[in-house]
Amino acid sequence: MKKIIIGLFILTFGVILSSGLFAQPSFDPPAPPDNKGTSGNQSPPSNSTGAPVEPGTGILLIMAGAYGIKKIRDVRKVNNS
């Protein structure tokens, strides 16, 4: 019972402390472009704040694919036995 109370206290304390943290600061959205109603493809604004894809993502995907292939081979090996 004591462990449960301590665990709930730590969880509550952690939630209270982290409630003021945000991943990104809030900002006002940019003003709409002057060329409203134009047709065709348009390039994104130069100040777009997209998240970059880091090289580690590719490595992670390769490792996940290799692990999946290994698991498939293991299952097939057990089924063939």
PDB file of N, CA and C in Angstrom:
ATOM      1  N   MET A   1       0.823  -1.188   0.000  1.00  0.00           N
ATOM      2  CA  MET A   1       0.000   0.000   0.000  1.00  0.00           C
ATOM      3  C   MET A   1       0.866   1.250   0.000  1.00  0.00           C
ATOM      4  N   LYS A   2       1.964   1.167   0.768  1.00  0.00           N
ATOM      5  CA  LYS A   2       2.858   2.317   0.862  1.00  0.00           C
ATOM      6  C   LYS A   2       3.519   2.607  -0.493  1.00  0.00           C
ATOM      7  N   LYS A   3       3.857   1.538  -1.230  1.00  0.00           N
ATOM      8  CA  LYS A   3       4.487   1.713  -2.542  1.00  0.00           C
ATOM      9  C   LYS A   3       3.518   2.370  -3.523  1.00  0.00           C
ATOM     10  N   ILE A   4       2.254   2.013  -3.436  1.00  0.00           N
ATOM     11  CA  ILE A   4       1.253   2.596  -4.332  1.00  0.00           C
ATOM     12  C   ILE A   4       1.096   4.090  -4.049  1.00  0.00           C
ATOM     13  N   ILE A   5       1.043   4.452  -2.783  1.00  0.00           N
ATOM     14  CA  ILE A   5       0.897   5.867  -2.418  1.00  0.00           C
ATOM     15  C   ILE A   5       2.106   6.666  -2.868  1.00  0.00           C
ATOM     16  N   ILE A   6       3.300   6.116  -2.664  1.00  0.00           N
ATOM     17  CA  ILE A   6       4.518   6.815  -3.090  1.00  0.00           C
ATOM     18  C   ILE A   6       4.537   6.944  -4.611  1.00  0.00           C
ATOM     19  N   GLY A   7       4.142   5.887  -5.322  1.00  0.00           N
ATOM     20  CA  GLY A   7       4.094   5.932  -6.786  1.00  0.00           C
ATOM     21  C   GLY A   7       3.113   6.975  -7.294  1.00  0.00           C
ATOM     22  N   LEU A   8       1.937   7.034  -6.682  1.00  0.00           N
ATOM     23  CA  LEU A   8       0.954   8.043  -7.094  1.00  0.00           C
ATOM     24  C   LEU A   8       1.445   9.454  -6.779  1.00  0.00           C
ATOM     25  N   PHE A   9       2.126   9.612  -5.660  1.00  0.00           N
ATOM     26  CA  PHE A   9       2.681  10.920  -5.307  1.00  0.00           C
ATOM     27  C   PHE A   9       3.719  11.360  -6.333  1.00  0.00           C
ATOM     28  N   ILE A  10       4.610  10.453  -6.718  1.00  0.00           N
ATOM     29  CA  ILE A  10       5.643  10.783  -7.706  1.00  0.00           C
ATOM     30  C   ILE A  10       5.004  11.098  -9.056  1.00  0.00           C
ATOM     31  N   LEU A  11       4.000  10.306  -9.453  1.00  0.00           N
ATOM     32  CA  LEU A  11       3.325  10.551 -10.724  1.00  0.00           C
ATOM     33  C   LEU A  11       2.624  11.906 -10.725  1.00  0.00           C
ATOM     34  N   THR A  12       1.907  12.211  -9.654  1.00  0.00           N
ATOM     35  CA  THR A  12       1.207  13.490  -9.555  1.00  0.00           C
ATOM     36  C   THR A  12       2.193  14.644  -9.547  1.00  0.00           C
ATOM     37  N   PHE A  13       3.266  14.512  -8.801  1.00  0.00           N
ATOM     38  CA  PHE A  13       4.281  15.558  -8.724  1.00  0.00           C
ATOM     39  C   PHE A  13       4.921  15.790 -10.097  1.00  0.00           C
ATOM     40  N   GLY A  14       5.181  14.696 -10.832  1.00  0.00           N
ATOM     41  CA  GLY A  14       5.755  14.825 -12.168  1.00  0.00           C
ATOM     42  C   GLY A  14       4.829  15.513 -13.142  1.00  0.00           C
ATOM     43  N   VAL A  15       3.540  15.198 -13.070  1.00  0.00           N
ATOM     44  CA  VAL A  15       2.569  15.828 -13.965  1.00  0.00           C
ATOM     45  C   VAL A  15       2.450  17.314 -13.653  1.00  0.00           C
ATOM     46  N   ILE A  16       2.433  17.656 -12.375  1.00  0.00           N
ATOM     47  CA  ILE A  16       2.317  19.061 -11.989  1.00  0.00           C
ATOM     48  C   ILE A  16       3.538  19.846 -12.450  1.00  0.00           C
ATOM     49  N   LEU A  17       4.725  19.276 -12.286  1.00  0.00           N
ATOM     50  CA  LEU A  17       5.938  19.985 -12.698  1.00  0.00           C
ATOM     51  C   LEU A  17       6.033  20.131 -14.212  1.00  0.00           C
ATOM     52  N   SER A  18       5.575  19.137 -14.949  1.00  0.00           N
ATOM     53  CA  SER A  18       5.713  19.192 -16.401  1.00  0.00           C
ATOM     54  C   SER A  18       4.570  19.922 -17.086  1.00  0.00           C
ATOM     55  N   SER A  19       3.578  20.370 -16.356  1.00  0.00           N
ATOM     56  CA  SER A  19       2.436  21.014 -17.003  1.00  0.00           C
ATOM     57  C   SER A  19       2.803  22.355 -17.630  1.00  0.00           C
ATOM     58  N   GLY A  20       3.851  22.987 -17.171  1.00  0.00           N
ATOM     59  CA  GLY A  20       4.259  24.270 -17.734  1.00  0.00           C
ATOM     60  C   GLY A  20       5.211  24.138 -18.912  1.00  0.00           C
ATOM     61  N   LEU A  21       5.597  22.924 -19.281  1.00  0.00           N
ATOM     62  CA  LEU A  21       6.543  22.717 -20.372  1.00  0.00           C
ATOM     63  C   LEU A  21       5.807  22.509 -21.682  1.00  0.00           C
ATOM     64  N   PHE A  22       6.333  23.096 -22.732  1.00  0.00           N
ATOM     65  CA  PHE A  22       5.764  22.934 -24.060  1.00  0.00           C
ATOM     66  C   PHE A  22       6.882  22.571 -25.027  1.00  0.00           C
ATOM     67  N   ALA A  23       6.566  21.801 -26.036  1.00  0.00           N
ATOM     68  CA  ALA A  23       7.575  21.388 -27.005  1.00  0.00           C
ATOM     69  C   ALA A  23       7.994  22.552 -27.896  1.00  0.00           C
ATOM     70  N   GLN A  24       7.070  23.394 -28.260  1.00  0.00           N
ATOM     71  CA  GLN A  24       7.374  24.530 -29.111  1.00  0.00           C
ATOM     72  C   GLN A  24       6.678  25.757 -28.554  1.00  0.00           C
ATOM     73  N   PRO A  25       7.326  26.901 -28.649  1.00  0.00           N
ATOM     74  CA  PRO A  25       6.654  28.110 -28.167  1.00  0.00           C
ATOM     75  C   PRO A  25       5.503  28.486 -29.096  1.00  0.00           C
ATOM     76  N   SER A  26       4.493  29.094 -28.552  1.00  0.00           N
ATOM     77  CA  SER A  26       3.375  29.494 -29.385  1.00  0.00           C
ATOM     78  C   SER A  26       3.746  30.769 -30.153  1.00  0.00           C
ATOM     79  N   PHE A  27       3.222  30.919 -31.329  1.00  0.00           N
ATOM     80  CA  PHE A  27       3.478  32.098 -32.153  1.00  0.00           C
ATOM     81  C   PHE A  27       2.237  32.405 -32.973  1.00  0.00           C
ATOM     82  N   ASP A  28       2.152  33.623 -33.403  1.00  0.00           N
ATOM     83  CA  ASP A  28       1.020  34.030 -34.226  1.00  0.00           C
ATOM     84  C   ASP A  28       1.193  33.458 -35.626  1.00  0.00           C
ATOM     85  N   PRO A  29       0.116  32.992 -36.242  1.00  0.00           N
ATOM     86  CA  PRO A  29       0.240  32.464 -37.594  1.00  0.00           C
ATOM     87  C   PRO A  29       0.608  33.584 -38.569  1.00  0.00           C
ATOM     88  N   PRO A  30       1.317  33.235 -39.634  1.00  0.00           N
ATOM     89  CA  PRO A  30       1.702  34.266 -40.598  1.00  0.00           C
ATOM     90  C   PRO A  30       0.483  34.850 -41.316  1.00  0.00           C
ATOM     91  N   ALA A  31       0.643  36.050 -41.810  1.00  0.00           N
ATOM     92  CA  ALA A  31      -0.437  36.711 -42.552  1.00  0.00           C
ATOM     93  C   ALA A  31      -0.667  35.967 -43.862  1.00  0.00           C
ATOM     94  N   PRO A  32      -1.884  35.968 -44.375  1.00  0.00           N
ATOM     95  CA  PRO A  32      -2.148  35.281 -45.641  1.00  0.00           C
ATOM     96  C   PRO A  32      -1.396  35.965 -46.782  1.00  0.00           C
ATOM     97  N   PRO A  33      -1.023  35.205 -47.794  1.00  0.00           N
ATOM     98  CA  PRO A  33      -0.284  35.793 -48.913  1.00  0.00           C
ATOM     99  C   PRO A  33      -1.144  36.774 -49.709  1.00  0.00           C
ATOM    100  N   ASP A  34      -0.464  37.660 -50.420  1.00  0.00           N
ATOM    101  CA  ASP A  34      -1.171  38.661 -51.218  1.00  0.00           C
ATOM    102  C   ASP A  34      -1.752  38.073 -52.498  1.00  0.00           C
ATOM    103  N   ASN A  35      -1.254  36.929 -52.914  1.00  0.00           N
ATOM    104  CA  ASN A  35      -1.693  36.359 -54.191  1.00  0.00           C
ATOM    105  C   ASN A  35      -2.834  35.356 -53.971  1.00  0.00           C
ATOM    106  N   LYS A  36      -3.874  35.767 -53.294  1.00  0.00           N
ATOM    107  CA  LYS A  36      -5.028  34.892 -53.072  1.00  0.00           C
ATOM    108  C   LYS A  36      -5.739  34.629 -54.391  1.00  0.00           C
ATOM    109  N   GLY A  37      -6.215  33.414 -54.519  1.00  0.00           N
ATOM    110  CA  GLY A  37      -7.010  33.076 -55.688  1.00  0.00           C
ATOM    111  C   GLY A  37      -6.210  32.703 -56.911  1.00  0.00           C
ATOM    112  N   THR A  38      -4.891  32.676 -56.825  1.00  0.00           N
ATOM    113  CA  THR A  38      -4.116  32.266 -57.992  1.00  0.00           C
ATOM    114  C   THR A  38      -4.195  30.758 -58.129  1.00  0.00           C
ATOM    115  N   SER A  39      -4.116  30.292 -59.336  1.00  0.00           N
ATOM    116  CA  SER A  39      -4.204  28.856 -59.572  1.00  0.00           C
ATOM    117  C   SER A  39      -2.816  28.300 -59.839  1.00  0.00           C
ATOM    118  N   GLY A  40      -2.698  26.997 -59.757  1.00  0.00           N
ATOM    119  CA  GLY A  40      -1.425  26.346 -60.014  1.00  0.00           C
ATOM    120  C   GLY A  40      -0.653  26.078 -58.733  1.00  0.00           C
ATOM    121  N   ASN A  41       0.469  25.408 -58.898  1.00  0.00           N
ATOM    122  CA  ASN A  41       1.307  25.077 -57.750  1.00  0.00           C
ATOM    123  C   ASN A  41       2.070  26.306 -57.282  1.00  0.00           C
ATOM    124  N   GLN A  42       2.156  26.447 -55.993  1.00  0.00           N
ATOM    125  CA  GLN A  42       2.914  27.556 -55.418  1.00  0.00           C
ATOM    126  C   GLN A  42       3.927  26.998 -54.445  1.00  0.00           C
ATOM    127  N   SER A  43       5.067  27.633 -54.371  1.00  0.00           N
ATOM    128  CA  SER A  43       6.097  27.173 -53.442  1.00  0.00           C
ATOM    129  C   SER A  43       5.717  27.582 -52.023  1.00  0.00           C
ATOM    130  N   PRO A  44       6.167  26.813 -51.030  1.00  0.00           N
ATOM    131  CA  PRO A  44       5.856  27.173 -49.645  1.00  0.00           C
ATOM    132  C   PRO A  44       6.576  28.455 -49.257  1.00  0.00           C
ATOM    133  N   PRO A  45       6.099  29.138 -48.236  1.00  0.00           N
ATOM    134  CA  PRO A  45       6.766  30.365 -47.822  1.00  0.00           C
ATOM    135  C   PRO A  45       8.184  30.067 -47.342  1.00  0.00           C
ATOM    136  N   SER A  46       9.056  31.038 -47.497  1.00  0.00           N
ATOM    137  CA  SER A  46      10.466  30.833 -47.162  1.00  0.00           C
ATOM    138  C   SER A  46      10.682  30.689 -45.664  1.00  0.00           C
ATOM    139  N   ASN A  47       9.745  31.128 -44.850  1.00  0.00           N
ATOM    140  CA  ASN A  47       9.913  31.026 -43.408  1.00  0.00           C
ATOM    141  C   ASN A  47       9.123  29.861 -42.824  1.00  0.00           C
ATOM    142  N   SER A  48       8.856  28.815 -43.637  1.00  0.00           N
ATOM    143  CA  SER A  48       8.103  27.680 -43.112  1.00  0.00           C
ATOM    144  C   SER A  48       8.941  26.968 -42.057  1.00  0.00           C
ATOM    145  N   THR A  49       8.281  26.486 -41.038  1.00  0.00           N
ATOM    146  CA  THR A  49       8.991  25.900 -39.901  1.00  0.00           C
ATOM    147  C   THR A  49       8.716  24.407 -39.822  1.00  0.00           C
ATOM    148  N   GLY A  50       9.011  23.678 -40.886  1.00  0.00           N
ATOM    149  CA  GLY A  50       8.819  22.234 -40.878  1.00  0.00           C
ATOM    150  C   GLY A  50       9.916  21.550 -40.083  1.00  0.00           C
ATOM    151  N   ALA A  51       9.623  20.383 -39.572  1.00  0.00           N
ATOM    152  CA  ALA A  51      10.590  19.632 -38.789  1.00  0.00           C
ATOM    153  C   ALA A  51      11.517  18.866 -39.737  1.00  0.00           C
ATOM    154  N   PRO A  52      12.824  18.955 -39.541  1.00  0.00           N
ATOM    155  CA  PRO A  52      13.756  18.238 -40.408  1.00  0.00           C
ATOM    156  C   PRO A  52      13.764  16.741 -40.090  1.00  0.00           C
ATOM    157  N   VAL A  53      14.036  15.930 -41.087  1.00  0.00           N
ATOM    158  CA  VAL A  53      14.181  14.495 -40.897  1.00  0.00           C
ATOM    159  C   VAL A  53      15.664  14.229 -40.726  1.00  0.00           C
ATOM    160  N   GLU A  54      16.036  13.677 -39.598  1.00  0.00           N
ATOM    161  CA  GLU A  54      17.448  13.466 -39.306  1.00  0.00           C
ATOM    162  C   GLU A  54      17.912  12.129 -39.866  1.00  0.00           C
ATOM    163  N   PRO A  55      19.231  11.959 -40.033  1.00  0.00           N
ATOM    164  CA  PRO A  55      19.757  10.697 -40.585  1.00  0.00           C
ATOM    165  C   PRO A  55      19.454   9.492 -39.705  1.00  0.00           C
ATOM    166  N   GLY A  56      19.277   9.699 -38.421  1.00  0.00           N
ATOM    167  CA  GLY A  56      18.983   8.589 -37.527  1.00  0.00           C
ATOM    168  C   GLY A  56      17.670   7.907 -37.849  1.00  0.00           C
ATOM    169  N   THR A  57      16.759   8.624 -38.478  1.00  0.00           N
ATOM    170  CA  THR A  57      15.462   8.039 -38.834  1.00  0.00           C
ATOM    171  C   THR A  57      15.650   6.927 -39.860  1.00  0.00           C
ATOM    172  N   GLY A  58      16.509   7.142 -40.838  1.00  0.00           N
ATOM    173  CA  GLY A  58      16.769   6.108 -41.839  1.00  0.00           C
ATOM    174  C   GLY A  58      17.405   4.874 -41.226  1.00  0.00           C
ATOM    175  N   ILE A  59      18.344   5.093 -40.315  1.00  0.00           N
ATOM    176  CA  ILE A  59      19.001   3.969 -39.639  1.00  0.00           C
ATOM    177  C   ILE A  59      17.974   3.189 -38.824  1.00  0.00           C
ATOM    178  N   LEU A  60      17.091   3.894 -38.144  1.00  0.00           N
ATOM    179  CA  LEU A  60      16.054   3.236 -37.361  1.00  0.00           C
ATOM    180  C   LEU A  60      15.129   2.410 -38.246  1.00  0.00           C
ATOM    181  N   LEU A  61      14.749   2.936 -39.406  1.00  0.00           N
ATOM    182  CA  LEU A  61      13.881   2.193 -40.323  1.00  0.00           C
ATOM    183  C   LEU A  61      14.579   0.946 -40.869  1.00  0.00           C
ATOM    184  N   ILE A  62      15.872   1.053 -41.170  1.00  0.00           N
ATOM    185  CA  ILE A  62      16.624  -0.105 -41.655  1.00  0.00           C
ATOM    186  C   ILE A  62      16.694  -1.183 -40.581  1.00  0.00           C
ATOM    187  N   MET A  63      16.975  -0.776 -39.350  1.00  0.00           N
ATOM    188  CA  MET A  63      17.052  -1.743 -38.253  1.00  0.00           C
ATOM    189  C   MET A  63      15.697  -2.397 -37.987  1.00  0.00           C
ATOM    190  N   ALA A  64      14.612  -1.622 -38.078  1.00  0.00           N
ATOM    191  CA  ALA A  64      13.275  -2.181 -37.866  1.00  0.00           C
ATOM    192  C   ALA A  64      12.939  -3.181 -38.968  1.00  0.00           C
ATOM    193  N   GLY A  65      13.307  -2.884 -40.200  1.00  0.00           N
ATOM    194  CA  GLY A  65      13.069  -3.818 -41.299  1.00  0.00           C
ATOM    195  C   GLY A  65      13.862  -5.102 -41.136  1.00  0.00           C
ATOM    196  N   ALA A  66      15.131  -4.982 -40.715  1.00  0.00           N
ATOM    197  CA  ALA A  66      15.960  -6.170 -40.504  1.00  0.00           C
ATOM    198  C   ALA A  66      15.391  -7.029 -39.377  1.00  0.00           C
ATOM    199  N   TYR A  67      14.917  -6.392 -38.323  1.00  0.00           N
ATOM    200  CA  TYR A  67      14.322  -7.129 -37.207  1.00  0.00           C
ATOM    201  C   TYR A  67      13.046  -7.843 -37.659  1.00  0.00           C
ATOM    202  N   GLY A  68      12.240  -7.169 -38.468  1.00  0.00           N
ATOM    203  CA  GLY A  68      11.027  -7.794 -38.985  1.00  0.00           C
ATOM    204  C   GLY A  68      11.336  -9.003 -39.851  1.00  0.00           C
ATOM    205  N   ILE A  69      12.345  -8.890 -40.692  1.00  0.00           N
ATOM    206  CA  ILE A  69      12.740 -10.017 -41.545  1.00  0.00           C
ATOM    207  C   ILE A  69      13.221 -11.178 -40.691  1.00  0.00           C
ATOM    208  N   LYS A  70      13.994 -10.881 -39.648  1.00  0.00           N
ATOM    209  CA  LYS A  70      14.484 -11.927 -38.742  1.00  0.00           C
ATOM    210  C   LYS A  70      13.327 -12.643 -38.070  1.00  0.00           C
ATOM    211  N   LYS A  71      12.328 -11.881 -37.597  1.00  0.00           N
ATOM    212  CA  LYS A  71      11.187 -12.495 -36.926  1.00  0.00           C
ATOM    213  C   LYS A  71      10.382 -13.370 -37.898  1.00  0.00           C
ATOM    214  N   ILE A  72      10.234 -12.922 -39.135  1.00  0.00           N
ATOM    215  CA  ILE A  72       9.518 -13.721 -40.130  1.00  0.00           C
ATOM    216  C   ILE A  72      10.255 -15.023 -40.396  1.00  0.00           C
ATOM    217  N   ARG A  73      11.581 -14.953 -40.541  1.00  0.00           N
ATOM    218  CA  ARG A  73      12.366 -16.176 -40.766  1.00  0.00           C
ATOM    219  C   ARG A  73      12.284 -17.118 -39.585  1.00  0.00           C
ATOM    220  N   ASP A  74      12.306 -16.579 -38.361  1.00  0.00           N
ATOM    221  CA  ASP A  74      12.196 -17.433 -37.163  1.00  0.00           C
ATOM    222  C   ASP A  74      10.854 -18.163 -37.136  1.00  0.00           C
ATOM    223  N   VAL A  75       9.768 -17.460 -37.462  1.00  0.00           N
ATOM    224  CA  VAL A  75       8.443 -18.072 -37.463  1.00  0.00           C
ATOM    225  C   VAL A  75       8.360 -19.156 -38.537  1.00  0.00           C
ATOM    226  N   ARG A  76       8.897 -18.884 -39.697  1.00  0.00           N
ATOM    227  CA  ARG A  76       8.861 -19.874 -40.782  1.00  0.00           C
ATOM    228  C   ARG A  76       9.700 -21.098 -40.422  1.00  0.00           C
ATOM    229  N   LYS A  77      10.833 -20.889 -39.734  1.00  0.00           N
ATOM    230  CA  LYS A  77      11.693 -21.996 -39.344  1.00  0.00           C
ATOM    231  C   LYS A  77      10.973 -22.909 -38.338  1.00  0.00           C
ATOM    232  N   VAL A  78      10.247 -22.299 -37.396  1.00  0.00           N
ATOM    233  CA  VAL A  78       9.505 -23.082 -36.395  1.00  0.00           C
ATOM    234  C   VAL A  78       8.355 -23.825 -37.059  1.00  0.00           C
ATOM    235  N   ASN A  79       7.673 -23.191 -38.008  1.00  0.00           N
ATOM    236  CA  ASN A  79       6.544 -23.839 -38.677  1.00  0.00           C
ATOM    237  C   ASN A  79       6.981 -24.978 -39.577  1.00  0.00           C
ATOM    238  N   ASN A  80       8.176 -24.898 -40.174  1.00  0.00           N
ATOM    239  CA  ASN A  80       8.670 -25.959 -41.044  1.00  0.00           C
ATOM    240  C   ASN A  80       9.202 -27.156 -40.272  1.00  0.00           C
ATOM    241  N   SER A  81       9.489 -26.993 -39.010  1.00  0.00           N
ATOM    242  CA  SER A  81      10.046 -28.090 -38.212  1.00  0.00           C
ATOM    243  C   SER A  81       8.998 -29.098 -37.821  1.00  0.00           C
TER     244      SER A  81
END
